């Protein structure tokens, strides 16, 4: 039996939710110092995900390249020296 329609709000998965374990692995196991994400100025959904992940956002003052207009940076403040 198939069900159609919108899932309940509690069943929805936001893009930020699956990223949590990936970020934890990147910082704890791979010992990365930071994670960087980029997007265009008009991609507000990606910017919202970056903010939800705790990224600091910065804007590129130059018009090119279009995919590098907004940069999100997430620092690993708990990293140990390698």
C-alpha atoms as a PDB file:
ATOM      1  CA  UNK A   1       0.000   0.000   0.000  1.00  0.00           C
ATOM      2  CA  UNK A   2       1.352   3.427  -0.917  1.00  0.00           C
ATOM      3  CA  UNK A   3       0.586   6.707   0.784  1.00  0.00           C
ATOM      4  CA  UNK A   4       0.738   9.997  -1.038  1.00  0.00           C
ATOM      5  CA  UNK A   5       0.951  13.552   0.241  1.00  0.00           C
ATOM      6  CA  UNK A   6       3.244  15.527   2.472  1.00  0.00           C
ATOM      7  CA  UNK A   7       4.984  13.723   5.311  1.00  0.00           C
ATOM      8  CA  UNK A   8       4.238  14.912   8.806  1.00  0.00           C
ATOM      9  CA  UNK A   9       6.549  17.685  10.064  1.00  0.00           C
ATOM     10  CA  UNK A  10       8.237  15.254  12.447  1.00  0.00           C
ATOM     11  CA  UNK A  11       9.013  12.885   9.560  1.00  0.00           C
ATOM     12  CA  UNK A  12      10.638  15.507   7.361  1.00  0.00           C
ATOM     13  CA  UNK A  13      14.399  15.385   7.057  1.00  0.00           C
ATOM     14  CA  UNK A  14      16.156  18.680   6.545  1.00  0.00           C
ATOM     15  CA  UNK A  15      19.493  18.717   4.705  1.00  0.00           C
ATOM     16  CA  UNK A  16      21.215  19.802   7.918  1.00  0.00           C
ATOM     17  CA  UNK A  17      20.105  16.727   9.902  1.00  0.00           C
ATOM     18  CA  UNK A  18      22.109  14.097   7.938  1.00  0.00           C
ATOM     19  CA  UNK A  19      25.103  16.440   7.882  1.00  0.00           C
ATOM     20  CA  UNK A  20      25.507  16.204  11.676  1.00  0.00           C
ATOM     21  CA  UNK A  21      27.118  12.738  11.724  1.00  0.00           C
ATOM     22  CA  UNK A  22      29.228  13.649   8.697  1.00  0.00           C
ATOM     23  CA  UNK A  23      30.546  16.781  10.444  1.00  0.00           C
ATOM     24  CA  UNK A  24      31.198  14.819  13.628  1.00  0.00           C
ATOM     25  CA  UNK A  25      33.157  12.219  11.643  1.00  0.00           C
ATOM     26  CA  UNK A  26      35.120  14.907   9.772  1.00  0.00           C
ATOM     27  CA  UNK A  27      36.165  16.604  13.002  1.00  0.00           C
ATOM     28  CA  UNK A  28      36.591  13.617  15.335  1.00  0.00           C
ATOM     29  CA  UNK A  29      37.917  10.897  13.040  1.00  0.00           C
ATOM     30  CA  UNK A  30      39.484  12.778  10.137  1.00  0.00           C
ATOM     31  CA  UNK A  31      40.607  15.592  12.464  1.00  0.00           C
ATOM     32  CA  UNK A  32      39.785  18.328   9.961  1.00  0.00           C
ATOM     33  CA  UNK A  33      40.304  21.868  11.221  1.00  0.00           C
ATOM     34  CA  UNK A  34      37.442  23.352   9.229  1.00  0.00           C
ATOM     35  CA  UNK A  35      34.708  22.587   6.735  1.00  0.00           C
ATOM     36  CA  UNK A  36      33.971  25.015   3.899  1.00  0.00           C
ATOM     37  CA  UNK A  37      30.799  25.253   1.799  1.00  0.00           C
ATOM     38  CA  UNK A  38      30.044  27.605  -1.072  1.00  0.00           C
ATOM     39  CA  UNK A  39      26.916  28.740  -2.896  1.00  0.00           C
ATOM     40  CA  UNK A  40      25.430  31.537  -4.984  1.00  0.00           C
ATOM     41  CA  UNK A  41      23.908  34.744  -3.542  1.00  0.00           C
ATOM     42  CA  UNK A  42      20.424  33.718  -4.627  1.00  0.00           C
ATOM     43  CA  UNK A  43      20.569  30.200  -3.140  1.00  0.00           C
ATOM     44  CA  UNK A  44      18.890  31.078   0.144  1.00  0.00           C
ATOM     45  CA  UNK A  45      18.082  27.439   0.948  1.00  0.00           C
ATOM     46  CA  UNK A  46      21.766  26.467   0.951  1.00  0.00           C
ATOM     47  CA  UNK A  47      22.613  29.519   3.030  1.00  0.00           C
ATOM     48  CA  UNK A  48      19.918  28.507   5.542  1.00  0.00           C
ATOM     49  CA  UNK A  49      21.434  25.014   5.811  1.00  0.00           C
ATOM     50  CA  UNK A  50      24.888  26.530   6.366  1.00  0.00           C
ATOM     51  CA  UNK A  51      23.512  28.723   9.167  1.00  0.00           C
ATOM     52  CA  UNK A  52      21.684  25.783  10.738  1.00  0.00           C
ATOM     53  CA  UNK A  53      24.967  23.852  10.787  1.00  0.00           C
ATOM     54  CA  UNK A  54      26.576  26.733  12.672  1.00  0.00           C
ATOM     55  CA  UNK A  55      28.674  28.003   9.788  1.00  0.00           C
ATOM     56  CA  UNK A  56      29.933  31.573   9.702  1.00  0.00           C
ATOM     57  CA  UNK A  57      28.906  33.084   6.353  1.00  0.00           C
ATOM     58  CA  UNK A  58      30.952  35.557   4.342  1.00  0.00           C
ATOM     59  CA  UNK A  59      30.181  37.164   0.977  1.00  0.00           C
ATOM     60  CA  UNK A  60      32.554  37.383  -1.957  1.00  0.00           C
ATOM     61  CA  UNK A  61      32.678  41.017  -3.156  1.00  0.00           C
ATOM     62  CA  UNK A  62      33.532  39.907  -6.704  1.00  0.00           C
ATOM     63  CA  UNK A  63      30.859  38.784  -9.196  1.00  0.00           C
ATOM     64  CA  UNK A  64      32.694  35.641 -10.316  1.00  0.00           C
ATOM     65  CA  UNK A  65      32.607  32.722  -9.977  1.00  0.00           C
ATOM     66  CA  UNK A  66      28.851  32.514  -9.332  1.00  0.00           C
ATOM     67  CA  UNK A  67      29.113  29.393  -7.142  1.00  0.00           C
ATOM     68  CA  UNK A  68      31.582  31.156  -4.811  1.00  0.00           C
ATOM     69  CA  UNK A  69      29.441  34.134  -3.822  1.00  0.00           C
ATOM     70  CA  UNK A  70      28.667  32.977  -0.275  1.00  0.00           C
ATOM     71  CA  UNK A  71      31.203  30.993   1.720  1.00  0.00           C
ATOM     72  CA  UNK A  72      30.272  29.085   4.868  1.00  0.00           C
ATOM     73  CA  UNK A  73      33.005  28.131   7.342  1.00  0.00           C
ATOM     74  CA  UNK A  74      32.647  25.731  10.254  1.00  0.00           C
ATOM     75  CA  UNK A  75      35.681  25.644  12.538  1.00  0.00           C
ATOM     76  CA  UNK A  76      36.664  22.650  14.649  1.00  0.00           C
ATOM     77  CA  UNK A  77      37.427  24.336  17.949  1.00  0.00           C
ATOM     78  CA  UNK A  78      38.009  20.996  19.630  1.00  0.00           C
ATOM     79  CA  UNK A  79      40.685  19.774  17.250  1.00  0.00           C
ATOM     80  CA  UNK A  80      43.960  18.473  18.570  1.00  0.00           C
ATOM     81  CA  UNK A  81      47.294  19.302  16.952  1.00  0.00           C
ATOM     82  CA  UNK A  82      48.274  16.784  14.296  1.00  0.00           C
END
